[in-house]
C-alpha atoms as a PDB file:
ATOM      1  CA  MET A   1      71.428  71.925  59.115  1.00  0.00           C
ATOM      2  CA  GLU A   2      67.664  71.740  59.297  1.00  0.00           C
ATOM      3  CA  GLU A   3      65.553  74.673  58.233  1.00  0.00           C
ATOM      4  CA  PRO A   4      62.902  75.830  60.678  1.00  0.00           C
ATOM      5  CA  ALA A   5      59.369  74.688  59.938  1.00  0.00           C
ATOM      6  CA  LYS A   6      57.167  77.173  58.150  1.00  0.00           C
ATOM      7  CA  GLY A   7      55.738  79.684  60.606  1.00  0.00           C
ATOM      8  CA  SER A   8      58.189  78.848  63.374  1.00  0.00           C
ATOM      9  CA  GLU A   9      60.636  81.247  64.960  1.00  0.00           C
ATOM     10  CA  THR A  10      64.076  81.670  63.494  1.00  0.00           C
ATOM     11  CA  GLY A  11      67.163  81.325  65.657  1.00  0.00           C
ATOM     12  CA  ALA A  12      67.518  85.102  65.778  1.00  0.00           C
ATOM     13  CA  ASP A  13      63.891  85.478  66.877  1.00  0.00           C
ATOM     14  CA  LYS A  14      64.346  82.920  69.644  1.00  0.00           C
ATOM     15  CA  THR A  15      67.515  84.641  70.817  1.00  0.00           C
ATOM     16  CA  ARG A  16      65.813  88.039  70.819  1.00  0.00           C
ATOM     17  CA  ARG A  17      62.823  86.680  72.778  1.00  0.00           C
ATOM     18  CA  LEU A  18      65.058  84.877  75.270  1.00  0.00           C
ATOM     19  CA  ARG A  19      67.181  87.998  75.767  1.00  0.00           C
ATOM     20  CA  HIS A  20      64.016  90.039  76.370  1.00  0.00           C
ATOM     21  CA  ASP A  21      62.626  87.511  78.871  1.00  0.00           C
ATOM     22  CA  ILE A  22      65.915  87.313  80.781  1.00  0.00           C
ATOM     23  CA  ARG A  23      66.167  91.099  80.966  1.00  0.00           C
ATOM     24  CA  ASN A  24      62.615  91.289  82.347  1.00  0.00           C
ATOM     25  CA  GLN A  25      63.556  88.914  85.155  1.00  0.00           C
ATOM     26  CA  LEU A  26      66.816  90.781  85.801  1.00  0.00           C
ATOM     27  CA  SER A  27      64.827  93.978  86.111  1.00  0.00           C
ATOM     28  CA  ASN A  28      62.710  92.381  88.851  1.00  0.00           C
ATOM     29  CA  ILE A  29      65.844  91.203  90.645  1.00  0.00           C
ATOM     30  CA  ASN A  30      67.477  94.633  90.382  1.00  0.00           C
ATOM     31  CA  LEU A  31      64.363  96.345  91.739  1.00  0.00           C
ATOM     32  CA  SER A  32      64.314  93.921  94.663  1.00  0.00           C
ATOM     33  CA  VAL A  33      68.013  94.499  95.349  1.00  0.00           C
ATOM     34  CA  GLU A  34      67.482  98.259  95.386  1.00  0.00           C
ATOM     35  CA  GLN A  35      64.556  97.827  97.778  1.00  0.00           C
ATOM     36  CA  LEU A  36      66.719  95.654 100.044  1.00  0.00           C
ATOM     37  CA  LYS A  37      69.454  98.293 100.043  1.00  0.00           C
ATOM     38  CA  TYR A  38      66.852 100.812 101.166  1.00  0.00           C
ATOM     39  CA  GLU A  39      65.264  98.590 103.830  1.00  0.00           C
ATOM     40  CA  VAL A  40      68.294  96.847 105.332  1.00  0.00           C
ATOM     41  CA  PRO A  41      69.371  98.721 108.452  1.00  0.00           C
ATOM     42  CA  ASP A  42      72.702 100.526 108.387  1.00  0.00           C
ATOM     43  CA  ASP A  43      73.952  98.364 111.235  1.00  0.00           C
ATOM     44  CA  ALA A  44      73.426  95.121 109.271  1.00  0.00           C
ATOM     45  CA  THR A  45      76.417  92.845 109.003  1.00  0.00           C
ATOM     46  CA  SER A  46      78.947  93.315 106.238  1.00  0.00           C
ATOM     47  CA  ASP A  47      77.869  89.901 104.953  1.00  0.00           C
ATOM     48  CA  VAL A  48      74.446  91.293 104.059  1.00  0.00           C
ATOM     49  CA  ALA A  49      75.998  94.125 102.047  1.00  0.00           C
ATOM     50  CA  PHE A  50      78.346  91.640 100.379  1.00  0.00           C
ATOM     51  CA  TYR A  51      75.461  89.395  99.304  1.00  0.00           C
ATOM     52  CA  ILE A  52      73.377  92.295  98.019  1.00  0.00           C
ATOM     53  CA  ASN A  53      76.327  93.668  96.042  1.00  0.00           C
ATOM     54  CA  THR A  54      77.120  90.211  94.668  1.00  0.00           C
ATOM     55  CA  ILE A  55      73.571  89.888  93.355  1.00  0.00           C
ATOM     56  CA  ALA A  56      73.714  93.364  91.784  1.00  0.00           C
ATOM     57  CA  MET A  57      77.101  92.703  90.149  1.00  0.00           C
ATOM     58  CA  SER A  58      75.937  89.334  88.831  1.00  0.00           C
ATOM     59  CA  CYS A  59      72.882  90.964  87.254  1.00  0.00           C
ATOM     60  CA  ALA A  60      75.108  93.555  85.597  1.00  0.00           C
ATOM     61  CA  LYS A  61      77.386  90.801  84.262  1.00  0.00           C
ATOM     62  CA  ILE A  62      74.422  88.886  82.831  1.00  0.00           C
ATOM     63  CA  ASN A  63      73.247  92.082  81.106  1.00  0.00           C
ATOM     64  CA  LEU A  64      76.711  92.486  79.552  1.00  0.00           C
ATOM     65  CA  LEU A  65      76.628  88.895  78.335  1.00  0.00           C
ATOM     66  CA  LEU A  66      73.222  89.515  76.768  1.00  0.00           C
ATOM     67  CA  ASP A  67      74.588  92.625  75.039  1.00  0.00           C
ATOM     68  CA  GLU A  68      77.355  90.511  73.517  1.00  0.00           C
ATOM     69  CA  LEU A  69      74.740  88.342  71.790  1.00  0.00           C
ATOM     70  CA  ASP A  70      73.931  91.213  69.414  1.00  0.00           C
END
């Protein structure tokens, strides 16, 4: 196995940075989902609620996967 070049990130550093960057994007998605829940009218189709909930559950699952990297 090759050693990282002097001054470059280690595997753990890359993983930590990637996890941080993914969580930042997930935070944006979650905020948008919450805003949609607030703005979508109550009489919207059940499909809309299904899609919004699917996005929220997928974000939660990705967060759990990121936690397992520790």
